[in-house]
Amino acid sequence: MTTPIKQRRGGLIRVKQYITDTKGHKVAAVIEIEELTRLKAMIDIIPTSEAWLYKNKEALESVRRGLKDAAKGRITKLKIDEL
């Protein structure tokens, strides 16, 4: 039985089987070779220079909060000489 993983831009990655550690955490997934090709295409969308952000959950959340604040007009001018 395959398990679909939802993607933001439509489409699904079908996972045949998850590999778990001794605590039951998912650490890897077994997928069909066709799915690997689709997955590589999705990964290539994110530039290498920005990939670190998606690996750092704290930084990503901070950026998202900042973007939400900016969208609501909650911004201030940064004075570089005061840093």
N, C-alpha and C. Protein backbone atom coordinates (compact mmCIF):
# COMPACT_ATOMS: atom_id res chain seq x y z
N MET A 1 0.85 -1.19 0.00
CA MET A 1 0.00 0.00 0.00
C MET A 1 0.88 1.24 0.00
N THR A 2 0.63 2.17 -0.90
CA THR A 2 1.43 3.39 -0.97
C THR A 2 0.80 4.48 -0.12
N THR A 3 1.64 5.38 0.36
CA THR A 3 1.19 6.51 1.16
C THR A 3 1.54 7.78 0.41
N PRO A 4 0.53 8.58 0.05
CA PRO A 4 0.85 9.82 -0.66
C PRO A 4 1.36 10.90 0.29
N ILE A 5 2.33 11.69 -0.18
CA ILE A 5 2.82 12.85 0.56
C ILE A 5 2.37 14.07 -0.24
N LYS A 6 1.59 14.95 0.39
CA LYS A 6 1.09 16.13 -0.32
C LYS A 6 2.21 17.11 -0.58
N GLN A 7 2.17 17.72 -1.74
CA GLN A 7 3.12 18.75 -2.13
C GLN A 7 2.36 20.05 -2.31
N ARG A 8 3.03 21.18 -2.13
CA ARG A 8 2.38 22.49 -2.25
C ARG A 8 1.90 22.77 -3.66
N ARG A 9 2.67 22.40 -4.65
CA ARG A 9 2.35 22.76 -6.03
C ARG A 9 1.67 21.61 -6.77
N GLY A 10 0.82 20.91 -6.11
CA GLY A 10 0.08 19.84 -6.74
C GLY A 10 0.91 18.58 -6.85
N GLY A 11 0.25 17.51 -7.18
CA GLY A 11 0.95 16.25 -7.33
C GLY A 11 1.25 15.59 -5.99
N LEU A 12 1.58 14.35 -6.04
CA LEU A 12 1.90 13.58 -4.84
C LEU A 12 3.14 12.75 -5.09
N ILE A 13 3.87 12.50 -4.03
CA ILE A 13 4.97 11.54 -4.08
C ILE A 13 4.44 10.29 -3.39
N ARG A 14 4.41 9.21 -4.10
CA ARG A 14 3.89 7.96 -3.55
C ARG A 14 5.00 7.18 -2.85
N VAL A 15 4.83 6.98 -1.57
CA VAL A 15 5.80 6.24 -0.76
C VAL A 15 5.32 4.81 -0.61
N LYS A 16 6.19 3.87 -1.01
CA LYS A 16 5.83 2.45 -0.89
C LYS A 16 5.96 1.97 0.54
N GLN A 17 7.01 2.45 1.22
CA GLN A 17 7.27 1.97 2.58
C GLN A 17 8.15 2.98 3.31
N TYR A 18 7.89 3.15 4.60
CA TYR A 18 8.75 3.99 5.42
C TYR A 18 9.71 3.10 6.21
N ILE A 19 10.92 3.59 6.40
CA ILE A 19 11.90 2.91 7.25
C ILE A 19 11.99 3.72 8.52
N THR A 20 11.85 3.04 9.65
CA THR A 20 11.83 3.73 10.93
C THR A 20 13.01 3.33 11.81
N ASP A 21 13.33 4.21 12.77
CA ASP A 21 14.38 3.87 13.73
C ASP A 21 13.75 3.08 14.88
N THR A 22 14.52 2.79 15.90
CA THR A 22 14.02 1.97 17.01
C THR A 22 12.91 2.65 17.81
N LYS A 23 12.79 3.97 17.68
CA LYS A 23 11.73 4.71 18.39
C LYS A 23 10.49 4.92 17.52
N GLY A 24 10.53 4.42 16.29
CA GLY A 24 9.38 4.55 15.40
C GLY A 24 9.36 5.81 14.56
N HIS A 25 10.45 6.60 14.63
CA HIS A 25 10.53 7.81 13.81
C HIS A 25 10.86 7.44 12.36
N LYS A 26 10.16 8.08 11.43
CA LYS A 26 10.43 7.83 10.00
C LYS A 26 11.78 8.45 9.65
N VAL A 27 12.70 7.64 9.14
CA VAL A 27 14.03 8.12 8.79
C VAL A 27 14.34 8.01 7.30
N ALA A 28 13.53 7.25 6.58
CA ALA A 28 13.74 7.08 5.15
C ALA A 28 12.44 6.58 4.52
N ALA A 29 12.38 6.67 3.20
CA ALA A 29 11.20 6.21 2.48
C ALA A 29 11.63 5.46 1.23
N VAL A 30 10.88 4.43 0.90
CA VAL A 30 11.12 3.66 -0.32
C VAL A 30 10.10 4.15 -1.35
N ILE A 31 10.60 4.62 -2.52
CA ILE A 31 9.71 5.12 -3.57
C ILE A 31 10.09 4.49 -4.90
N GLU A 32 9.17 4.57 -5.86
CA GLU A 32 9.43 4.08 -7.22
C GLU A 32 10.42 5.01 -7.90
N ILE A 33 11.14 4.52 -8.91
CA ILE A 33 12.14 5.31 -9.62
C ILE A 33 11.49 6.51 -10.32
N GLU A 34 10.27 6.37 -10.80
CA GLU A 34 9.57 7.49 -11.44
C GLU A 34 9.32 8.62 -10.43
N GLU A 35 9.03 8.23 -9.21
CA GLU A 35 8.80 9.21 -8.16
C GLU A 35 10.11 9.93 -7.82
N LEU A 36 11.22 9.23 -7.91
CA LEU A 36 12.52 9.84 -7.63
C LEU A 36 12.80 10.96 -8.64
N THR A 37 12.47 10.73 -9.89
CA THR A 37 12.65 11.75 -10.92
C THR A 37 11.81 12.98 -10.61
N ARG A 38 10.56 12.79 -10.20
CA ARG A 38 9.69 13.91 -9.84
C ARG A 38 10.22 14.62 -8.61
N LEU A 39 10.71 13.86 -7.64
CA LEU A 39 11.22 14.44 -6.40
C LEU A 39 12.46 15.29 -6.68
N LYS A 40 13.35 14.80 -7.54
CA LYS A 40 14.55 15.57 -7.91
C LYS A 40 14.16 16.90 -8.55
N ALA A 41 13.14 16.89 -9.38
CA ALA A 41 12.68 18.12 -10.03
C ALA A 41 12.17 19.12 -8.99
N MET A 42 11.47 18.64 -7.98
CA MET A 42 10.97 19.53 -6.93
C MET A 42 12.11 20.09 -6.09
N ILE A 43 13.10 19.28 -5.82
CA ILE A 43 14.23 19.72 -5.01
C ILE A 43 15.04 20.79 -5.75
N ASP A 44 15.16 20.64 -7.04
CA ASP A 44 15.92 21.60 -7.85
C ASP A 44 15.29 22.99 -7.87
N ILE A 45 14.04 23.10 -7.47
CA ILE A 45 13.35 24.39 -7.43
C ILE A 45 13.99 25.30 -6.38
N ILE A 46 14.46 24.73 -5.28
CA ILE A 46 15.05 25.51 -4.18
C ILE A 46 16.53 25.72 -4.46
N PRO A 47 16.97 26.99 -4.59
CA PRO A 47 18.38 27.26 -4.83
C PRO A 47 19.24 26.78 -3.65
N THR A 48 20.44 26.32 -3.94
CA THR A 48 21.35 25.83 -2.91
C THR A 48 21.61 26.89 -1.85
N SER A 49 21.70 28.14 -2.29
CA SER A 49 21.98 29.22 -1.34
C SER A 49 20.85 29.45 -0.35
N GLU A 50 19.65 28.92 -0.62
CA GLU A 50 18.51 29.08 0.28
C GLU A 50 18.12 27.79 0.98
N ALA A 51 18.70 26.68 0.59
CA ALA A 51 18.32 25.39 1.14
C ALA A 51 18.55 25.30 2.65
N TRP A 52 19.56 25.99 3.17
CA TRP A 52 19.85 25.96 4.61
C TRP A 52 18.65 26.42 5.42
N LEU A 53 17.89 27.36 4.87
CA LEU A 53 16.75 27.91 5.60
C LEU A 53 15.70 26.84 5.87
N TYR A 54 15.49 25.96 4.91
CA TYR A 54 14.49 24.91 5.07
C TYR A 54 14.96 23.81 6.01
N LYS A 55 16.25 23.76 6.28
CA LYS A 55 16.79 22.78 7.22
C LYS A 55 16.82 23.34 8.64
N ASN A 56 16.70 24.66 8.78
CA ASN A 56 16.75 25.33 10.09
C ASN A 56 15.35 25.81 10.43
N LYS A 57 14.60 24.99 11.18
CA LYS A 57 13.19 25.28 11.46
C LYS A 57 13.01 26.60 12.22
N GLU A 58 13.91 26.90 13.14
CA GLU A 58 13.80 28.13 13.92
C GLU A 58 13.95 29.36 13.00
N ALA A 59 14.93 29.32 12.12
CA ALA A 59 15.15 30.44 11.19
C ALA A 59 13.98 30.56 10.21
N LEU A 60 13.47 29.44 9.73
CA LEU A 60 12.35 29.47 8.79
C LEU A 60 11.12 30.08 9.43
N GLU A 61 10.82 29.69 10.65
CA GLU A 61 9.68 30.27 11.36
C GLU A 61 9.87 31.76 11.57
N SER A 62 11.09 32.19 11.88
CA SER A 62 11.37 33.61 12.07
C SER A 62 11.12 34.39 10.78
N VAL A 63 11.57 33.84 9.66
CA VAL A 63 11.34 34.49 8.37
C VAL A 63 9.85 34.57 8.07
N ARG A 64 9.13 33.49 8.33
CA ARG A 64 7.69 33.48 8.08
C ARG A 64 6.96 34.50 8.94
N ARG A 65 7.35 34.61 10.21
CA ARG A 65 6.75 35.62 11.09
C ARG A 65 7.04 37.02 10.55
N GLY A 66 8.27 37.25 10.12
CA GLY A 66 8.64 38.55 9.58
C GLY A 66 7.85 38.90 8.33
N LEU A 67 7.64 37.92 7.47
CA LEU A 67 6.87 38.16 6.25
C LEU A 67 5.41 38.47 6.57
N LYS A 68 4.86 37.78 7.56
CA LYS A 68 3.47 38.05 7.98
C LYS A 68 3.37 39.46 8.57
N ASP A 69 4.34 39.83 9.40
CA ASP A 69 4.34 41.18 9.98
C ASP A 69 4.43 42.23 8.88
N ALA A 70 5.32 42.03 7.92
CA ALA A 70 5.49 42.98 6.83
C ALA A 70 4.21 43.10 6.00
N ALA A 71 3.53 41.98 5.77
CA ALA A 71 2.29 42.00 5.00
C ALA A 71 1.20 42.80 5.73
N LYS A 72 1.27 42.81 7.06
CA LYS A 72 0.28 43.56 7.86
C LYS A 72 0.73 44.99 8.12
N GLY A 73 1.88 45.36 7.55
CA GLY A 73 2.37 46.73 7.72
C GLY A 73 3.12 46.96 9.02
N ARG A 74 3.40 45.92 9.76
CA ARG A 74 4.13 46.05 11.02
C ARG A 74 5.63 45.98 10.75
N ILE A 75 6.17 47.09 10.29
CA ILE A 75 7.59 47.15 9.98
C ILE A 75 8.20 48.39 10.62
N THR A 76 9.50 48.35 10.81
CA THR A 76 10.23 49.51 11.33
C THR A 76 11.49 49.67 10.50
N LYS A 77 12.00 50.89 10.48
CA LYS A 77 13.22 51.16 9.74
C LYS A 77 14.41 50.74 10.59
N LEU A 78 15.30 49.97 10.01
CA LEU A 78 16.49 49.50 10.71
C LEU A 78 17.59 50.54 10.63
N LYS A 79 18.14 50.89 11.79
CA LYS A 79 19.25 51.85 11.83
C LYS A 79 20.54 51.05 12.03
N ILE A 80 21.25 50.84 10.96
CA ILE A 80 22.46 50.00 10.95
C ILE A 80 23.48 50.50 11.96
N ASP A 81 23.64 51.80 12.08
CA ASP A 81 24.67 52.34 12.99
C ASP A 81 24.35 52.08 14.46
N GLU A 82 23.12 51.63 14.77
CA GLU A 82 22.75 51.34 16.16
C GLU A 82 22.90 49.87 16.50
N LEU A 83 23.33 49.08 15.56
CA LEU A 83 23.49 47.64 15.82
C LEU A 83 24.76 47.35 16.58
